[in-house]
Structure formats: C-alpha cells, structure tokens
C-alpha cells in the first residue's frame, strides 16, 4: 500500500510505514505463506493418491477457499470428502491441525490421459465377451464415468447385463461374470468338514458365477448351498 511522505511527516512515526499498514502487510505475508504451504501440501497429497491410476495423471487446483486466510497453519491434512473420488472434477478437503483449527474445500480437476475399452460391435445381453469384441480408445479417463474398463482382462469372459451399442465405453457395472454353473445343470457336490470329505451329485437350482453361492437339489430332494467352482463343482463346508 503506497504511503505519502506527508503522512510520514505529520504522524511522527519513526518507521516509514504506520502501524496499521505494517499489520496489513504482515497479514498479507501470512496469507501468501499459508496458501503456498496449503497448495504444496495438497499437491503432494494428489500426486501420492493418484499414482496408481491408469494412464498419465495431471491435476489443476482451483482457487482456495477464502477461509484459508483466517488463521495461520503449521500442519495440513488433505482428505477426500465422504462419497468423493479423485477423478475428473472433484473437491478435496484440507484440515488445519494447528495452531488454528479450520477446514476448507478446494476444487480440483484431475485429468487422466490413457486408454480405455469400447465395444467393437453390438453386444447382446448374456453374450460372452471375447477379445474381438473390444477396441481400445485413448482420451481423458477423468471425463468418463467411474468404473471405466482399461484392461481387456476386465471384460473377456464376462457378459453384458443389457445390450451395449458399438463404440460405447465399457464399465464394470455393465458386466457380469460368466456363469460357471447354470440352472438345471448336473453338478458335483464336494462336502467337507473337520476330518471328513464327501462327494455327491445334484442339480443346480440357480445360475452362479465363480465364487458365488449356488443352491443344489440332491437326489433325495434336499437343497444345500455351496460355492460355485469351475467344472461344475460346488463346494459345501460344514
């Protein structure tokens, strides 16, 4: 803030700046320092938390909340608010741990340059997906929905829950694991417990993917539950 020589002459202050101006300058200096430190802490946090994302990650931190200027802070704790995610346009919280206690929320844009998968052709519900059904595309994953698939292994062998149009990006919530046991299929029951193991046969009551619970009706009419495995095997533990 400019101060005229006339003000200096009539005030009688020995310092070239009045006390009020000095206080304002000190506060402004503290604000810049706090914001710089907060930004550095937030940048370090984002770099660490996004290191495992697929593709090349970059981020842009938006304007800090004005409440960051209310008090100096020696230690910051960034965090992702409940229900948030470090993906696309998001918000990251920062707590001051002392000497003051306050929390601000900072807008952040996270870009992820990488490859993702789209359907190479129309996929019908229940159709088992193969490598030929997938095409890679490149772009900003941060602009795409959560659960976007980036590795063919995430899709091959699975089936769409509903029809997927050609060129549509594939998401994990659109696909189901392939059935390893189908309703009405003859299965082999492997029952085990402390010191015993029994093999039996039955008919599957429902469809099940690997590791899911399947119910089996035995020849005696009893219905038992077990874990579906490849090869028409159902594991029952007692």
Protein backbone atom coordinates (compact mmCIF):
# COMPACT_ATOMS: atom_id res chain seq x y z
CA UNK A 1 0.00 0.00 0.00
CA UNK A 2 1.63 3.35 -1.00
CA UNK A 3 2.22 5.83 1.81
CA UNK A 4 2.89 9.54 1.13
CA UNK A 5 5.78 11.46 2.66
CA UNK A 6 3.23 13.92 4.05
CA UNK A 7 1.66 11.20 6.17
CA UNK A 8 5.08 10.21 7.42
CA UNK A 9 5.99 13.81 8.30
CA UNK A 10 2.84 14.62 10.27
CA UNK A 11 2.46 11.29 12.04
CA UNK A 12 5.76 11.39 13.83
CA UNK A 13 6.23 7.59 13.42
CA UNK A 14 9.92 6.68 13.27
CA UNK A 15 9.18 3.78 10.88
CA UNK A 16 8.45 4.76 7.24
CA UNK A 17 5.11 2.82 7.45
CA UNK A 18 2.31 3.41 10.00
CA UNK A 19 1.49 0.51 12.40
CA UNK A 20 -1.80 -0.22 10.65
CA UNK A 21 -0.02 -0.59 7.30
CA UNK A 22 2.60 -2.85 8.88
CA UNK A 23 -0.14 -5.04 10.32
CA UNK A 24 -1.84 -5.31 6.94
CA UNK A 25 1.45 -6.16 5.23
CA UNK A 26 2.24 -8.80 7.86
CA UNK A 27 -1.23 -10.32 7.48
CA UNK A 28 -0.89 -10.36 3.70
CA UNK A 29 2.51 -12.03 4.01
CA UNK A 30 0.99 -14.67 6.28
CA UNK A 31 -1.85 -15.26 3.83
CA UNK A 32 0.52 -15.84 0.92
CA UNK A 33 2.66 -18.15 3.03
CA UNK A 34 -0.34 -20.15 4.29
CA UNK A 35 -1.82 -20.50 0.83
CA UNK A 36 1.51 -21.52 -0.67
CA UNK A 37 2.03 -24.14 2.02
CA UNK A 38 -1.55 -25.40 1.68
CA UNK A 39 -1.15 -25.69 -2.09
CA UNK A 40 2.12 -27.57 -1.66
CA UNK A 41 0.54 -29.99 0.83
CA UNK A 42 -2.43 -30.51 -1.47
CA UNK A 43 -0.19 -31.09 -4.50
CA UNK A 44 1.88 -33.68 -2.60
CA UNK A 45 -1.31 -35.42 -1.49
CA UNK A 46 -2.77 -35.54 -5.01
CA UNK A 47 0.47 -36.86 -6.50
CA UNK A 48 0.59 -39.67 -3.95
CA UNK A 49 -3.09 -40.60 -4.13
CA UNK A 50 -3.32 -40.63 -7.94
CA UNK A 51 -0.07 -42.55 -8.52
CA UNK A 52 -1.94 -45.84 -9.02
CA UNK A 53 -4.47 -44.56 -11.55
CA UNK A 54 -4.20 -45.91 -15.11
CA UNK A 55 -2.58 -43.56 -17.62
CA UNK A 56 -0.76 -40.27 -17.17
CA UNK A 57 -2.24 -38.11 -14.44
CA UNK A 58 -2.24 -34.31 -14.24
CA UNK A 59 -4.26 -32.08 -11.97
CA UNK A 60 -5.22 -28.45 -11.57
CA UNK A 61 -6.01 -26.95 -8.18
CA UNK A 62 -8.74 -24.34 -8.16
CA UNK A 63 -8.91 -21.15 -6.13
CA UNK A 64 -8.54 -21.72 -2.41
CA UNK A 65 -11.48 -21.06 -0.14
CA UNK A 66 -11.29 -17.64 1.48
CA UNK A 67 -11.46 -19.25 4.94
CA UNK A 68 -7.89 -20.43 4.45
CA UNK A 69 -6.92 -16.82 5.15
CA UNK A 70 -8.45 -16.63 8.60
CA UNK A 71 -5.56 -18.12 10.55
CA UNK A 72 -2.02 -19.27 10.07
CA UNK A 73 -1.45 -23.02 9.98
CA UNK A 74 1.60 -25.16 10.67
CA UNK A 75 0.23 -28.54 9.56
CA UNK A 76 -2.29 -29.50 6.88
CA UNK A 77 -4.22 -32.76 6.43
CA UNK A 78 -5.81 -33.17 2.97
CA UNK A 79 -8.64 -35.70 2.63
CA UNK A 80 -11.32 -36.86 0.18
CA UNK A 81 -14.81 -35.95 1.47
CA UNK A 82 -17.26 -38.79 2.05
CA UNK A 83 -18.62 -40.03 -1.26
CA UNK A 84 -15.93 -38.20 -3.25
CA UNK A 85 -13.28 -39.64 -5.55
CA UNK A 86 -10.06 -38.40 -7.10
CA UNK A 87 -11.37 -38.47 -10.66
CA UNK A 88 -12.42 -35.69 -13.04
CA UNK A 89 -13.89 -32.53 -11.46
CA UNK A 90 -13.88 -33.11 -7.74
CA UNK A 91 -13.35 -31.48 -4.35
CA UNK A 92 -10.62 -32.17 -1.80
CA UNK A 93 -10.84 -31.10 1.83
CA UNK A 94 -7.92 -29.74 3.81
CA UNK A 95 -7.86 -29.61 7.63
CA UNK A 96 -5.60 -27.31 9.57
CA UNK A 97 -4.17 -29.27 12.52
CA UNK A 98 -2.77 -26.26 14.35
CA UNK A 99 -2.29 -23.82 15.83
CA UNK A 100 -5.74 -22.87 14.50
CA UNK A 101 -8.43 -25.40 13.65
CA UNK A 102 -10.33 -24.99 10.39
CA UNK A 103 -11.29 -26.93 7.26
CA UNK A 104 -11.54 -25.74 3.68
CA UNK A 105 -12.72 -27.45 0.49
CA UNK A 106 -10.74 -26.90 -2.68
CA UNK A 107 -11.98 -27.62 -6.23
CA UNK A 108 -9.62 -29.86 -8.18
CA UNK A 109 -9.67 -31.10 -11.77
CA UNK A 110 -7.92 -34.42 -12.35
CA UNK A 111 -7.10 -35.43 -15.93
CA UNK A 112 -6.02 -38.98 -16.76
CA UNK A 113 -4.63 -39.48 -20.24
CA UNK A 114 -4.85 -43.18 -21.08
CA UNK A 115 -6.55 -45.99 -22.97
CA UNK A 116 -9.99 -47.40 -22.29
CA UNK A 117 -12.18 -50.05 -23.90
CA UNK A 118 -15.23 -49.65 -26.14
CA UNK A 119 -17.46 -52.28 -27.71
CA UNK A 120 -16.21 -53.22 -31.16
CA UNK A 121 -19.72 -54.31 -32.15
CA UNK A 122 -23.22 -54.52 -30.72
CA UNK A 123 -23.14 -56.75 -27.63
CA UNK A 124 -26.28 -58.64 -26.66
CA UNK A 125 -27.32 -59.33 -23.06
CA UNK A 126 -25.78 -62.58 -21.83
CA UNK A 127 -23.29 -62.75 -24.73
CA UNK A 128 -19.87 -63.84 -23.55
CA UNK A 129 -17.31 -61.18 -24.45
CA UNK A 130 -14.15 -62.14 -26.35
CA UNK A 131 -11.05 -60.19 -27.36
CA UNK A 132 -12.55 -59.45 -30.81
CA UNK A 133 -15.46 -57.63 -29.13
CA UNK A 134 -13.17 -54.96 -27.68
CA UNK A 135 -11.45 -51.90 -29.13
CA UNK A 136 -9.01 -49.59 -27.33
CA UNK A 137 -9.57 -45.84 -27.38
CA UNK A 138 -7.44 -43.07 -25.93
CA UNK A 139 -8.67 -39.98 -24.10
CA UNK A 140 -9.17 -38.34 -20.73
CA UNK A 141 -10.37 -41.07 -18.39
CA UNK A 142 -11.25 -38.38 -15.86
CA UNK A 143 -14.02 -37.18 -18.19
CA UNK A 144 -15.53 -40.69 -18.34
CA UNK A 145 -17.77 -42.44 -15.78
CA UNK A 146 -16.31 -44.28 -12.82
CA UNK A 147 -15.64 -47.96 -13.41
CA UNK A 148 -14.43 -47.48 -16.99
CA UNK A 149 -12.53 -50.57 -18.17
CA UNK A 150 -8.90 -50.14 -19.23
CA UNK A 151 -7.68 -53.75 -19.48
CA UNK A 152 -9.17 -56.46 -21.75
CA UNK A 153 -8.83 -58.95 -18.87
CA UNK A 154 -11.50 -56.93 -17.05
CA UNK A 155 -14.06 -57.75 -19.77
CA UNK A 156 -13.11 -61.01 -21.52
CA UNK A 157 -15.28 -63.92 -20.42
CA UNK A 158 -17.93 -61.69 -18.86
CA UNK A 159 -21.43 -60.99 -20.18
CA UNK A 160 -23.38 -57.71 -20.56
CA UNK A 161 -26.34 -57.25 -18.21
CA UNK A 162 -28.09 -55.39 -21.03
CA UNK A 163 -27.35 -54.56 -24.67
CA UNK A 164 -24.27 -52.42 -25.35
CA UNK A 165 -24.02 -50.41 -28.59
CA UNK A 166 -20.93 -50.49 -30.80
CA UNK A 167 -18.46 -47.80 -29.77
CA UNK A 168 -19.89 -47.44 -26.27
CA UNK A 169 -17.29 -47.29 -23.46
CA UNK A 170 -17.41 -50.36 -21.23
CA UNK A 171 -17.91 -50.05 -17.48
CA UNK A 172 -17.55 -52.68 -14.80
CA UNK A 173 -21.14 -52.20 -13.62
CA UNK A 174 -22.43 -53.16 -17.09
CA UNK A 175 -20.93 -56.65 -16.98
CA UNK A 176 -21.47 -59.84 -15.05
CA UNK A 177 -19.06 -62.67 -14.55
CA UNK A 178 -19.79 -65.65 -16.81
CA UNK A 179 -21.81 -68.48 -15.27
CA UNK A 180 -19.69 -71.44 -14.26
CA UNK A 181 -22.87 -73.26 -13.19
CA UNK A 182 -26.24 -72.88 -14.89
CA UNK A 183 -29.71 -73.64 -13.57
CA UNK A 184 -30.65 -77.30 -14.10
CA UNK A 185 -27.04 -78.37 -14.68
CA UNK A 186 -25.80 -81.60 -13.09
CA UNK A 187 -23.12 -80.70 -10.57
CA UNK A 188 -20.78 -82.50 -8.22
CA UNK A 189 -21.07 -81.65 -4.54
CA UNK A 190 -17.87 -81.72 -2.54
CA UNK A 191 -18.76 -81.57 1.15
CA UNK A 192 -16.01 -81.22 3.73
CA UNK A 193 -15.62 -80.58 7.43
CA UNK A 194 -13.44 -81.47 10.37
CA UNK A 195 -11.92 -84.82 9.44
CA UNK A 196 -14.25 -85.79 6.60
CA UNK A 197 -14.90 -85.22 2.89
CA UNK A 198 -17.96 -86.46 0.95
CA UNK A 199 -18.77 -86.36 -2.76
CA UNK A 200 -22.35 -86.29 -4.03
CA UNK A 201 -24.34 -85.22 -7.09
CA UNK A 202 -27.28 -82.95 -7.66
CA UNK A 203 -28.97 -80.39 -9.92
CA UNK A 204 -28.25 -76.66 -9.72
CA UNK A 205 -31.27 -74.60 -8.68
CA UNK A 206 -29.84 -71.27 -9.89
CA UNK A 207 -27.11 -69.78 -12.08
CA UNK A 208 -23.85 -68.80 -10.42
CA UNK A 209 -20.50 -67.29 -11.37
CA UNK A 210 -17.17 -68.39 -9.93
CA UNK A 211 -17.23 -67.92 -6.15
CA UNK A 212 -20.95 -67.17 -5.91
CA UNK A 213 -23.44 -69.08 -3.79
CA UNK A 214 -25.41 -71.74 -5.65
CA UNK A 215 -28.20 -73.99 -4.38
CA UNK A 216 -28.22 -77.65 -5.34
CA UNK A 217 -31.03 -80.18 -5.06
CA UNK A 218 -29.78 -83.68 -4.29
CA UNK A 219 -31.40 -86.97 -5.41
CA UNK A 220 -33.11 -87.21 -2.01
CA UNK A 221 -34.76 -83.82 -2.55
CA UNK A 222 -32.63 -81.97 -0.03
CA UNK A 223 -31.47 -78.46 -1.08
CA UNK A 224 -27.98 -77.44 0.03
CA UNK A 225 -25.99 -74.28 -0.59
CA UNK A 226 -22.36 -74.14 -1.69
CA UNK A 227 -19.77 -72.13 -3.59
CA UNK A 228 -19.71 -72.46 -7.38
CA UNK A 229 -16.42 -73.52 -8.96
CA UNK A 230 -15.23 -74.21 -12.48
CA UNK A 231 -16.02 -77.65 -13.93
CA UNK A 232 -19.50 -78.00 -12.40
CA UNK A 233 -18.20 -78.33 -8.84
CA UNK A 234 -19.96 -76.97 -5.77
CA UNK A 235 -18.02 -76.76 -2.52
CA UNK A 236 -20.02 -77.24 0.68
CA UNK A 237 -18.36 -76.61 4.04
CA UNK A 238 -19.62 -77.72 7.45
